[in-house]
């Protein structure tokens, strides 16, 4: 029985269950944000891309092909995720402002 108690103490001390829940929520939110970018934001950008295929949009410089469409989608995903994390951190980690005397 002491091994089970020791294991439970380990889980509590290092907050492993909280980390597991955060990881699962993070994975689910990544899927949600990717869907927002792919289905809402990028269709708004698509009319400005020649041919309308933002996912395969490329730029050629001689033999070099730069795939800027997928990069743009990844950049937008990153910005949205960073902003959501910022808002959550701002809400949950509020610190009382120190007033000067």
PDB file of N, CA and C in Angstrom:
ATOM      1  N   UNK A   1       0.818  -1.202   0.000  1.00  0.00           N
ATOM      2  CA  UNK A   1       0.000   0.000   0.000  1.00  0.00           C
ATOM      3  C   UNK A   1       0.857   1.259   0.000  1.00  0.00           C
ATOM      4  N   UNK A   2       2.046   1.224   0.572  1.00  0.00           N
ATOM      5  CA  UNK A   2       2.850   2.433   0.640  1.00  0.00           C
ATOM      6  C   UNK A   2       3.326   2.857  -0.749  1.00  0.00           C
ATOM      7  N   UNK A   3       3.514   1.922  -1.665  1.00  0.00           N
ATOM      8  CA  UNK A   3       3.921   2.260  -3.020  1.00  0.00           C
ATOM      9  C   UNK A   3       2.819   3.042  -3.732  1.00  0.00           C
ATOM     10  N   UNK A   4       1.581   2.655  -3.523  1.00  0.00           N
ATOM     11  CA  UNK A   4       0.445   3.365  -4.123  1.00  0.00           C
ATOM     12  C   UNK A   4       0.332   4.762  -3.535  1.00  0.00           C
ATOM     13  N   UNK A   5       0.506   4.874  -2.217  1.00  0.00           N
ATOM     14  CA  UNK A   5       0.458   6.185  -1.572  1.00  0.00           C
ATOM     15  C   UNK A   5       1.599   7.066  -2.068  1.00  0.00           C
ATOM     16  N   UNK A   6       2.759   6.490  -2.214  1.00  0.00           N
ATOM     17  CA  UNK A   6       3.912   7.233  -2.715  1.00  0.00           C
ATOM     18  C   UNK A   6       3.670   7.721  -4.143  1.00  0.00           C
ATOM     19  N   UNK A   7       3.069   6.864  -4.955  1.00  0.00           N
ATOM     20  CA  UNK A   7       2.740   7.240  -6.325  1.00  0.00           C
ATOM     21  C   UNK A   7       1.715   8.374  -6.342  1.00  0.00           C
ATOM     22  N   UNK A   8       0.700   8.280  -5.501  1.00  0.00           N
ATOM     23  CA  UNK A   8      -0.325   9.320  -5.411  1.00  0.00           C
ATOM     24  C   UNK A   8       0.292  10.641  -4.941  1.00  0.00           C
ATOM     25  N   UNK A   9       1.198  10.574  -3.985  1.00  0.00           N
ATOM     26  CA  UNK A   9       1.884  11.777  -3.519  1.00  0.00           C
ATOM     27  C   UNK A   9       2.709  12.406  -4.647  1.00  0.00           C
ATOM     28  N   UNK A  10       3.353  11.550  -5.438  1.00  0.00           N
ATOM     29  CA  UNK A  10       4.119  12.025  -6.590  1.00  0.00           C
ATOM     30  C   UNK A  10       3.210  12.775  -7.563  1.00  0.00           C
ATOM     31  N   UNK A  11       2.054  12.184  -7.876  1.00  0.00           N
ATOM     32  CA  UNK A  11       1.113  12.821  -8.798  1.00  0.00           C
ATOM     33  C   UNK A  11       0.639  14.164  -8.253  1.00  0.00           C
ATOM     34  N   UNK A  12       0.375  14.225  -6.965  1.00  0.00           N
ATOM     35  CA  UNK A  12      -0.093  15.470  -6.357  1.00  0.00           C
ATOM     36  C   UNK A  12       1.022  16.515  -6.285  1.00  0.00           C
ATOM     37  N   UNK A  13       2.219  16.090  -5.895  1.00  0.00           N
ATOM     38  CA  UNK A  13       3.323  17.033  -5.723  1.00  0.00           C
ATOM     39  C   UNK A  13       3.703  17.702  -7.031  1.00  0.00           C
ATOM     40  N   UNK A  14       3.759  16.950  -8.102  1.00  0.00           N
ATOM     41  CA  UNK A  14       4.159  17.504  -9.393  1.00  0.00           C
ATOM     42  C   UNK A  14       2.972  17.890 -10.274  1.00  0.00           C
ATOM     43  N   UNK A  15       1.774  17.811  -9.720  1.00  0.00           N
ATOM     44  CA  UNK A  15       0.548  18.223 -10.421  1.00  0.00           C
ATOM     45  C   UNK A  15       0.444  17.609 -11.815  1.00  0.00           C
ATOM     46  N   UNK A  16       0.695  16.322 -11.868  1.00  0.00           N
ATOM     47  CA  UNK A  16       0.696  15.599 -13.137  1.00  0.00           C
ATOM     48  C   UNK A  16      -0.690  15.567 -13.762  1.00  0.00           C
ATOM     49  N   UNK A  17      -1.723  15.408 -12.957  1.00  0.00           N
ATOM     50  CA  UNK A  17      -3.073  15.342 -13.525  1.00  0.00           C
ATOM     51  C   UNK A  17      -3.483  16.684 -14.127  1.00  0.00           C
ATOM     52  N   UNK A  18      -3.129  17.774 -13.458  1.00  0.00           N
ATOM     53  CA  UNK A  18      -3.420  19.099 -14.007  1.00  0.00           C
ATOM     54  C   UNK A  18      -2.701  19.328 -15.321  1.00  0.00           C
ATOM     55  N   UNK A  19      -1.456  18.867 -15.385  1.00  0.00           N
ATOM     56  CA  UNK A  19      -0.687  18.985 -16.620  1.00  0.00           C
ATOM     57  C   UNK A  19      -1.320  18.159 -17.739  1.00  0.00           C
ATOM     58  N   UNK A  20      -1.796  16.963 -17.407  1.00  0.00           N
ATOM     59  CA  UNK A  20      -2.437  16.111 -18.412  1.00  0.00           C
ATOM     60  C   UNK A  20      -3.712  16.764 -18.944  1.00  0.00           C
ATOM     61  N   UNK A  21      -4.494  17.348 -18.051  1.00  0.00           N
ATOM     62  CA  UNK A  21      -5.722  18.033 -18.475  1.00  0.00           C
ATOM     63  C   UNK A  21      -5.373  19.223 -19.362  1.00  0.00           C
ATOM     64  N   UNK A  22      -4.354  20.004 -18.976  1.00  0.00           N
ATOM     65  CA  UNK A  22      -3.940  21.157 -19.784  1.00  0.00           C
ATOM     66  C   UNK A  22      -3.467  20.714 -21.164  1.00  0.00           C
ATOM     67  N   UNK A  23      -2.756  19.597 -21.241  1.00  0.00           N
ATOM     68  CA  UNK A  23      -2.279  19.087 -22.521  1.00  0.00           C
ATOM     69  C   UNK A  23      -3.448  18.701 -23.422  1.00  0.00           C
ATOM     70  N   UNK A  24      -4.433  18.027 -22.869  1.00  0.00           N
ATOM     71  CA  UNK A  24      -5.603  17.602 -23.646  1.00  0.00           C
ATOM     72  C   UNK A  24      -6.395  18.816 -24.135  1.00  0.00           C
ATOM     73  N   UNK A  25      -6.608  19.786 -23.256  1.00  0.00           N
ATOM     74  CA  UNK A  25      -7.325  21.004 -23.644  1.00  0.00           C
ATOM     75  C   UNK A  25      -6.526  21.763 -24.706  1.00  0.00           C
ATOM     76  N   UNK A  26      -5.201  21.797 -24.560  1.00  0.00           N
ATOM     77  CA  UNK A  26      -4.353  22.463 -25.544  1.00  0.00           C
ATOM     78  C   UNK A  26      -4.459  21.825 -26.918  1.00  0.00           C
ATOM     79  N   UNK A  27      -4.464  20.510 -26.952  1.00  0.00           N
ATOM     80  CA  UNK A  27      -4.595  19.808 -28.233  1.00  0.00           C
ATOM     81  C   UNK A  27      -5.959  20.084 -28.871  1.00  0.00           C
ATOM     82  N   UNK A  28      -7.000  20.090 -28.054  1.00  0.00           N
ATOM     83  CA  UNK A  28      -8.341  20.361 -28.578  1.00  0.00           C
ATOM     84  C   UNK A  28      -8.450  21.805 -29.069  1.00  0.00           C
ATOM     85  N   UNK A  29      -7.854  22.746 -28.338  1.00  0.00           N
ATOM     86  CA  UNK A  29      -7.934  24.141 -28.765  1.00  0.00           C
ATOM     87  C   UNK A  29      -7.124  24.380 -30.036  1.00  0.00           C
ATOM     88  N   UNK A  30      -6.041  23.643 -30.215  1.00  0.00           N
ATOM     89  CA  UNK A  30      -5.262  23.767 -31.450  1.00  0.00           C
ATOM     90  C   UNK A  30      -6.113  23.365 -32.650  1.00  0.00           C
ATOM     91  N   UNK A  31      -6.861  22.294 -32.523  1.00  0.00           N
ATOM     92  CA  UNK A  31      -7.751  21.857 -33.598  1.00  0.00           C
ATOM     93  C   UNK A  31      -8.821  22.909 -33.871  1.00  0.00           C
ATOM     94  N   UNK A  32      -9.381  23.475 -32.815  1.00  0.00           N
ATOM     95  CA  UNK A  32     -10.406  24.507 -32.962  1.00  0.00           C
ATOM     96  C   UNK A  32      -9.842  25.745 -33.660  1.00  0.00           C
ATOM     97  N   UNK A  33      -8.667  26.186 -33.237  1.00  0.00           N
ATOM     98  CA  UNK A  33      -8.077  27.380 -33.826  1.00  0.00           C
ATOM     99  C   UNK A  33      -7.690  27.130 -35.280  1.00  0.00           C
ATOM    100  N   UNK A  34      -7.183  25.954 -35.587  1.00  0.00           N
ATOM    101  CA  UNK A  34      -6.869  25.626 -36.983  1.00  0.00           C
ATOM    102  C   UNK A  34      -8.134  25.673 -37.838  1.00  0.00           C
ATOM    103  N   UNK A  35      -9.240  25.207 -37.288  1.00  0.00           N
ATOM    104  CA  UNK A  35     -10.504  25.261 -38.014  1.00  0.00           C
ATOM    105  C   UNK A  35     -10.948  26.705 -38.222  1.00  0.00           C
ATOM    106  N   UNK A  36     -10.761  27.554 -37.227  1.00  0.00           N
ATOM    107  CA  UNK A  36     -11.121  28.974 -37.376  1.00  0.00           C
ATOM    108  C   UNK A  36     -10.301  29.604 -38.502  1.00  0.00           C
ATOM    109  N   UNK A  37      -9.009  29.319 -38.499  1.00  0.00           N
ATOM    110  CA  UNK A  37      -8.142  29.897 -39.530  1.00  0.00           C
ATOM    111  C   UNK A  37      -8.523  29.360 -40.910  1.00  0.00           C
ATOM    112  N   UNK A  38      -8.662  28.033 -41.021  1.00  0.00           N
ATOM    113  CA  UNK A  38      -8.941  27.420 -42.322  1.00  0.00           C
ATOM    114  C   UNK A  38     -10.323  27.764 -42.866  1.00  0.00           C
ATOM    115  N   UNK A  39     -11.320  27.873 -41.984  1.00  0.00           N
ATOM    116  CA  UNK A  39     -12.699  28.008 -42.448  1.00  0.00           C
ATOM    117  C   UNK A  39     -13.290  29.407 -42.333  1.00  0.00           C
ATOM    118  N   UNK A  40     -12.667  30.295 -41.570  1.00  0.00           N
ATOM    119  CA  UNK A  40     -13.217  31.641 -41.411  1.00  0.00           C
ATOM    120  C   UNK A  40     -12.237  32.709 -41.902  1.00  0.00           C
ATOM    121  N   UNK A  41     -11.013  32.683 -41.383  1.00  0.00           N
ATOM    122  CA  UNK A  41     -10.064  33.752 -41.713  1.00  0.00           C
ATOM    123  C   UNK A  41      -9.529  33.612 -43.139  1.00  0.00           C
ATOM    124  N   UNK A  42      -9.060  32.421 -43.490  1.00  0.00           N
ATOM    125  CA  UNK A  42      -8.460  32.256 -44.810  1.00  0.00           C
ATOM    126  C   UNK A  42      -9.450  32.460 -45.958  1.00  0.00           C
ATOM    127  N   UNK A  43     -10.727  32.083 -45.847  1.00  0.00           N
ATOM    128  CA  UNK A  43     -11.649  32.414 -46.937  1.00  0.00           C
ATOM    129  C   UNK A  43     -11.800  33.922 -47.153  1.00  0.00           C
ATOM    130  N   UNK A  44     -11.567  34.718 -46.108  1.00  0.00           N
ATOM    131  CA  UNK A  44     -11.604  36.169 -46.270  1.00  0.00           C
ATOM    132  C   UNK A  44     -10.373  36.670 -47.019  1.00  0.00           C
ATOM    133  N   UNK A  45      -9.259  35.962 -46.869  1.00  0.00           N
ATOM    134  CA  UNK A  45      -8.012  36.340 -47.536  1.00  0.00           C
ATOM    135  C   UNK A  45      -7.958  35.799 -48.961  1.00  0.00           C
ATOM    136  N   UNK A  46      -8.637  34.686 -49.215  1.00  0.00           N
ATOM    137  CA  UNK A  46      -8.573  33.995 -50.503  1.00  0.00           C
ATOM    138  C   UNK A  46      -8.850  34.891 -51.716  1.00  0.00           C
ATOM    139  N   UNK A  47      -9.823  35.806 -51.674  1.00  0.00           N
ATOM    140  CA  UNK A  47     -10.047  36.641 -52.868  1.00  0.00           C
ATOM    141  C   UNK A  47      -8.841  37.494 -53.269  1.00  0.00           C
ATOM    142  N   UNK A  48      -7.932  37.741 -52.335  1.00  0.00           N
ATOM    143  CA  UNK A  48      -6.765  38.561 -52.644  1.00  0.00           C
ATOM    144  C   UNK A  48      -5.588  37.747 -53.172  1.00  0.00           C
ATOM    145  N   UNK A  49      -5.740  36.422 -53.203  1.00  0.00           N
ATOM    146  CA  UNK A  49      -4.681  35.538 -53.670  1.00  0.00           C
ATOM    147  C   UNK A  49      -5.001  35.122 -55.111  1.00  0.00           C
ATOM    148  N   UNK A  50      -4.065  35.323 -56.034  1.00  0.00           N
ATOM    149  CA  UNK A  50      -4.324  34.933 -57.430  1.00  0.00           C
ATOM    150  C   UNK A  50      -4.686  33.450 -57.532  1.00  0.00           C
ATOM    151  N   UNK A  51      -5.777  33.160 -58.154  1.00  0.00           N
ATOM    152  CA  UNK A  51      -6.219  31.781 -58.325  1.00  0.00           C
ATOM    153  C   UNK A  51      -7.071  31.299 -57.159  1.00  0.00           C
ATOM    154  N   UNK A  52      -7.050  31.997 -56.043  1.00  0.00           N
ATOM    155  CA  UNK A  52      -7.892  31.665 -54.900  1.00  0.00           C
ATOM    156  C   UNK A  52      -7.472  30.450 -54.100  1.00  0.00           C
ATOM    157  N   UNK A  53      -6.349  29.841 -54.388  1.00  0.00           N
ATOM    158  CA  UNK A  53      -5.916  28.649 -53.655  1.00  0.00           C
ATOM    159  C   UNK A  53      -4.823  29.035 -52.655  1.00  0.00           C
ATOM    160  N   UNK A  54      -5.220  29.520 -51.504  1.00  0.00           N
ATOM    161  CA  UNK A  54      -4.241  29.995 -50.521  1.00  0.00           C
ATOM    162  C   UNK A  54      -3.377  28.871 -49.963  1.00  0.00           C
ATOM    163  N   UNK A  55      -3.925  27.660 -49.883  1.00  0.00           N
ATOM    164  CA  UNK A  55      -3.168  26.540 -49.321  1.00  0.00           C
ATOM    165  C   UNK A  55      -1.971  26.152 -50.178  1.00  0.00           C
ATOM    166  N   UNK A  56      -2.077  26.398 -51.451  1.00  0.00           N
ATOM    167  CA  UNK A  56      -0.991  26.021 -52.358  1.00  0.00           C
ATOM    168  C   UNK A  56      -0.306  27.232 -52.972  1.00  0.00           C
ATOM    169  N   UNK A  57      -0.570  28.413 -52.427  1.00  0.00           N
ATOM    170  CA  UNK A  57       0.016  29.629 -52.978  1.00  0.00           C
ATOM    171  C   UNK A  57       1.537  29.582 -52.847  1.00  0.00           C
ATOM    172  N   UNK A  58       2.218  29.812 -53.956  1.00  0.00           N
ATOM    173  CA  UNK A  58       3.682  29.774 -53.971  1.00  0.00           C
ATOM    174  C   UNK A  58       4.214  30.982 -54.707  1.00  0.00           C
ATOM    175  N   UNK A  59       5.483  31.209 -54.511  1.00  0.00           N
ATOM    176  CA  UNK A  59       6.195  32.280 -55.181  1.00  0.00           C
ATOM    177  C   UNK A  59       7.474  31.677 -55.744  1.00  0.00           C
ATOM    178  N   UNK A  60       7.702  31.824 -57.043  1.00  0.00           N
ATOM    179  CA  UNK A  60       8.877  31.215 -57.669  1.00  0.00           C
ATOM    180  C   UNK A  60       9.960  32.259 -57.909  1.00  0.00           C
ATOM    181  N   UNK A  61      11.164  31.891 -57.520  1.00  0.00           N
ATOM    182  CA  UNK A  61      12.354  32.689 -57.829  1.00  0.00           C
ATOM    183  C   UNK A  61      13.309  31.738 -58.527  1.00  0.00           C
ATOM    184  N   UNK A  62      13.239  31.732 -59.816  1.00  0.00           N
ATOM    185  CA  UNK A  62      14.052  30.780 -60.588  1.00  0.00           C
ATOM    186  C   UNK A  62      13.635  29.358 -60.246  1.00  0.00           C
ATOM    187  N   UNK A  63      14.579  28.510 -59.862  1.00  0.00           N
ATOM    188  CA  UNK A  63      14.248  27.125 -59.525  1.00  0.00           C
ATOM    189  C   UNK A  63      13.708  26.960 -58.089  1.00  0.00           C
ATOM    190  N   UNK A  64      13.760  28.035 -57.307  1.00  0.00           N
ATOM    191  CA  UNK A  64      13.319  27.968 -55.904  1.00  0.00           C
ATOM    192  C   UNK A  64      11.839  28.295 -55.814  1.00  0.00           C
ATOM    193  N   UNK A  65      11.090  27.431 -55.145  1.00  0.00           N
ATOM    194  CA  UNK A  65       9.658  27.643 -54.949  1.00  0.00           C
ATOM    195  C   UNK A  65       9.406  27.873 -53.459  1.00  0.00           C
ATOM    196  N   UNK A  66       8.844  29.024 -53.134  1.00  0.00           N
ATOM    197  CA  UNK A  66       8.547  29.367 -51.740  1.00  0.00           C
ATOM    198  C   UNK A  66       7.053  29.218 -51.523  1.00  0.00           C
ATOM    199  N   UNK A  67       6.666  28.330 -50.605  1.00  0.00           N
ATOM    200  CA  UNK A  67       5.252  28.107 -50.304  1.00  0.00           C
ATOM    201  C   UNK A  67       4.777  29.055 -49.217  1.00  0.00           C
ATOM    202  N   UNK A  68       4.336  30.241 -49.628  1.00  0.00           N
ATOM    203  CA  UNK A  68       3.945  31.230 -48.637  1.00  0.00           C
ATOM    204  C   UNK A  68       2.515  31.049 -48.145  1.00  0.00           C
ATOM    205  N   UNK A  69       1.695  30.320 -48.847  1.00  0.00           N
ATOM    206  CA  UNK A  69       0.316  30.073 -48.414  1.00  0.00           C
ATOM    207  C   UNK A  69       0.261  29.260 -47.129  1.00  0.00           C
ATOM    208  N   UNK A  70       0.896  28.093 -47.091  1.00  0.00           N
ATOM    209  CA  UNK A  70       0.913  27.318 -45.850  1.00  0.00           C
ATOM    210  C   UNK A  70       1.619  28.066 -44.713  1.00  0.00           C
ATOM    211  N   UNK A  71       2.658  28.833 -45.047  1.00  0.00           N
ATOM    212  CA  UNK A  71       3.342  29.616 -44.020  1.00  0.00           C
ATOM    213  C   UNK A  71       2.413  30.672 -43.437  1.00  0.00           C
ATOM    214  N   UNK A  72       1.651  31.333 -44.292  1.00  0.00           N
ATOM    215  CA  UNK A  72       0.705  32.350 -43.828  1.00  0.00           C
ATOM    216  C   UNK A  72      -0.327  31.739 -42.892  1.00  0.00           C
ATOM    217  N   UNK A  73      -0.841  30.559 -43.235  1.00  0.00           N
ATOM    218  CA  UNK A  73      -1.812  29.878 -42.374  1.00  0.00           C
ATOM    219  C   UNK A  73      -1.185  29.522 -41.027  1.00  0.00           C
ATOM    220  N   UNK A  74       0.050  29.027 -41.038  1.00  0.00           N
ATOM    221  CA  UNK A  74       0.732  28.689 -39.780  1.00  0.00           C
ATOM    222  C   UNK A  74       0.985  29.934 -38.950  1.00  0.00           C
ATOM    223  N   UNK A  75       1.337  31.037 -39.589  1.00  0.00           N
ATOM    224  CA  UNK A  75       1.574  32.286 -38.877  1.00  0.00           C
ATOM    225  C   UNK A  75       0.294  32.798 -38.220  1.00  0.00           C
ATOM    226  N   UNK A  76      -0.807  32.743 -38.953  1.00  0.00           N
ATOM    227  CA  UNK A  76      -2.086  33.181 -38.389  1.00  0.00           C
ATOM    228  C   UNK A  76      -2.483  32.276 -37.228  1.00  0.00           C
ATOM    229  N   UNK A  77      -2.291  30.957 -37.381  1.00  0.00           N
ATOM    230  CA  UNK A  77      -2.559  30.030 -36.276  1.00  0.00           C
ATOM    231  C   UNK A  77      -1.755  30.430 -35.040  1.00  0.00           C
ATOM    232  N   UNK A  78      -0.461  30.689 -35.224  1.00  0.00           N
ATOM    233  CA  UNK A  78       0.403  31.041 -34.108  1.00  0.00           C
ATOM    234  C   UNK A  78      -0.059  32.320 -33.426  1.00  0.00           C
ATOM    235  N   UNK A  79      -0.389  33.335 -34.207  1.00  0.00           N
ATOM    236  CA  UNK A  79      -0.817  34.610 -33.632  1.00  0.00           C
ATOM    237  C   UNK A  79      -2.098  34.436 -32.825  1.00  0.00           C
ATOM    238  N   UNK A  80      -3.048  33.682 -33.355  1.00  0.00           N
ATOM    239  CA  UNK A  80      -4.300  33.464 -32.631  1.00  0.00           C
ATOM    240  C   UNK A  80      -4.047  32.684 -31.351  1.00  0.00           C
ATOM    241  N   UNK A  81      -3.256  31.616 -31.426  1.00  0.00           N
ATOM    242  CA  UNK A  81      -2.966  30.817 -30.229  1.00  0.00           C
ATOM    243  C   UNK A  81      -2.238  31.669 -29.190  1.00  0.00           C
ATOM    244  N   UNK A  82      -1.251  32.449 -29.619  1.00  0.00           N
ATOM    245  CA  UNK A  82      -0.514  33.302 -28.684  1.00  0.00           C
ATOM    246  C   UNK A  82      -1.448  34.319 -28.030  1.00  0.00           C
ATOM    247  N   UNK A  83      -2.372  34.883 -28.795  1.00  0.00           N
ATOM    248  CA  UNK A  83      -3.306  35.857 -28.234  1.00  0.00           C
ATOM    249  C   UNK A  83      -4.253  35.204 -27.227  1.00  0.00           C
ATOM    250  N   UNK A  84      -4.749  34.014 -27.555  1.00  0.00           N
ATOM    251  CA  UNK A  84      -5.643  33.308 -26.626  1.00  0.00           C
ATOM    252  C   UNK A  84      -4.904  32.961 -25.339  1.00  0.00           C
ATOM    253  N   UNK A  85      -3.676  32.479 -25.440  1.00  0.00           N
ATOM    254  CA  UNK A  85      -2.883  32.169 -24.245  1.00  0.00           C
ATOM    255  C   UNK A  85      -2.647  33.431 -23.438  1.00  0.00           C
ATOM    256  N   UNK A  86      -2.346  34.548 -24.102  1.00  0.00           N
ATOM    257  CA  UNK A  86      -2.155  35.819 -23.423  1.00  0.00           C
ATOM    258  C   UNK A  86      -3.411  36.222 -22.652  1.00  0.00           C
ATOM    259  N   UNK A  87      -4.572  36.116 -23.287  1.00  0.00           N
ATOM    260  CA  UNK A  87      -5.826  36.508 -22.630  1.00  0.00           C
ATOM    261  C   UNK A  87      -6.125  35.610 -21.432  1.00  0.00           C
ATOM    262  N   UNK A  88      -5.899  34.314 -21.574  1.00  0.00           N
ATOM    263  CA  UNK A  88      -6.130  33.389 -20.458  1.00  0.00           C
ATOM    264  C   UNK A  88      -5.167  33.701 -19.318  1.00  0.00           C
ATOM    265  N   UNK A  89      -3.902  33.900 -19.624  1.00  0.00           N
ATOM    266  CA  UNK A  89      -2.915  34.209 -18.587  1.00  0.00           C
ATOM    267  C   UNK A  89      -3.250  35.534 -17.909  1.00  0.00           C
ATOM    268  N   UNK A  90      -3.665  36.504 -18.686  1.00  0.00           N
ATOM    269  CA  UNK A  90      -4.016  37.808 -18.127  1.00  0.00           C
ATOM    270  C   UNK A  90      -5.199  37.683 -17.173  1.00  0.00           C
ATOM    271  N   UNK A  91      -6.162  36.856 -17.528  1.00  0.00           N
ATOM    272  CA  UNK A  91      -7.344  36.674 -16.687  1.00  0.00           C
ATOM    273  C   UNK A  91      -7.013  35.902 -15.408  1.00  0.00           C
ATOM    274  N   UNK A  92      -6.276  34.816 -15.535  1.00  0.00           N
ATOM    275  CA  UNK A  92      -6.038  33.951 -14.388  1.00  0.00           C
ATOM    276  C   UNK A  92      -4.869  34.388 -13.508  1.00  0.00           C
ATOM    277  N   UNK A  93      -3.935  35.117 -14.055  1.00  0.00           N
ATOM    278  CA  UNK A  93      -2.760  35.503 -13.283  1.00  0.00           C
ATOM    279  C   UNK A  93      -2.741  36.990 -12.987  1.00  0.00           C
ATOM    280  N   UNK A  94      -3.905  37.532 -12.674  1.00  0.00           N
ATOM    281  CA  UNK A  94      -3.988  38.948 -12.328  1.00  0.00           C
ATOM    282  C   UNK A  94      -3.160  39.213 -11.074  1.00  0.00           C
ATOM    283  N   UNK A  95      -2.441  40.295 -11.112  1.00  0.00           N
ATOM    284  CA  UNK A  95      -1.723  40.719  -9.922  1.00  0.00           C
ATOM    285  C   UNK A  95      -2.302  42.080  -9.514  1.00  0.00           C
ATOM    286  N   UNK A  96      -2.390  42.253  -8.223  1.00  0.00           N
ATOM    287  CA  UNK A  96      -2.891  43.555  -7.769  1.00  0.00           C
ATOM    288  C   UNK A  96      -1.837  44.605  -8.050  1.00  0.00           C
ATOM    289  N   UNK A  97      -2.294  45.713  -8.554  1.00  0.00           N
ATOM    290  CA  UNK A  97      -1.367  46.782  -8.874  1.00  0.00           C
ATOM    291  C   UNK A  97      -0.881  47.425  -7.587  1.00  0.00           C
ATOM    292  N   UNK A  98       0.396  47.700  -7.556  1.00  0.00           N
ATOM    293  CA  UNK A  98       0.994  48.345  -6.397  1.00  0.00           C
ATOM    294  C   UNK A  98       0.892  49.843  -6.586  1.00  0.00           C
ATOM    295  N   UNK A  99       0.363  50.496  -5.588  1.00  0.00           N
ATOM    296  CA  UNK A  99       0.241  51.935  -5.673  1.00  0.00           C
ATOM    297  C   UNK A  99       1.422  52.586  -4.953  1.00  0.00           C
ATOM    298  N   UNK A 100       1.899  53.659  -5.533  1.00  0.00           N
ATOM    299  CA  UNK A 100       3.029  54.378  -4.935  1.00  0.00           C
ATOM    300  C   UNK A 100       2.507  55.279  -3.822  1.00  0.00           C
ATOM    301  N   UNK A 101       3.318  55.381  -2.789  1.00  0.00           N
ATOM    302  CA  UNK A 101       2.919  56.239  -1.653  1.00  0.00           C
ATOM    303  C   UNK A 101       3.502  57.619  -1.802  1.00  0.00           C
TER     304      UNK A 101
END
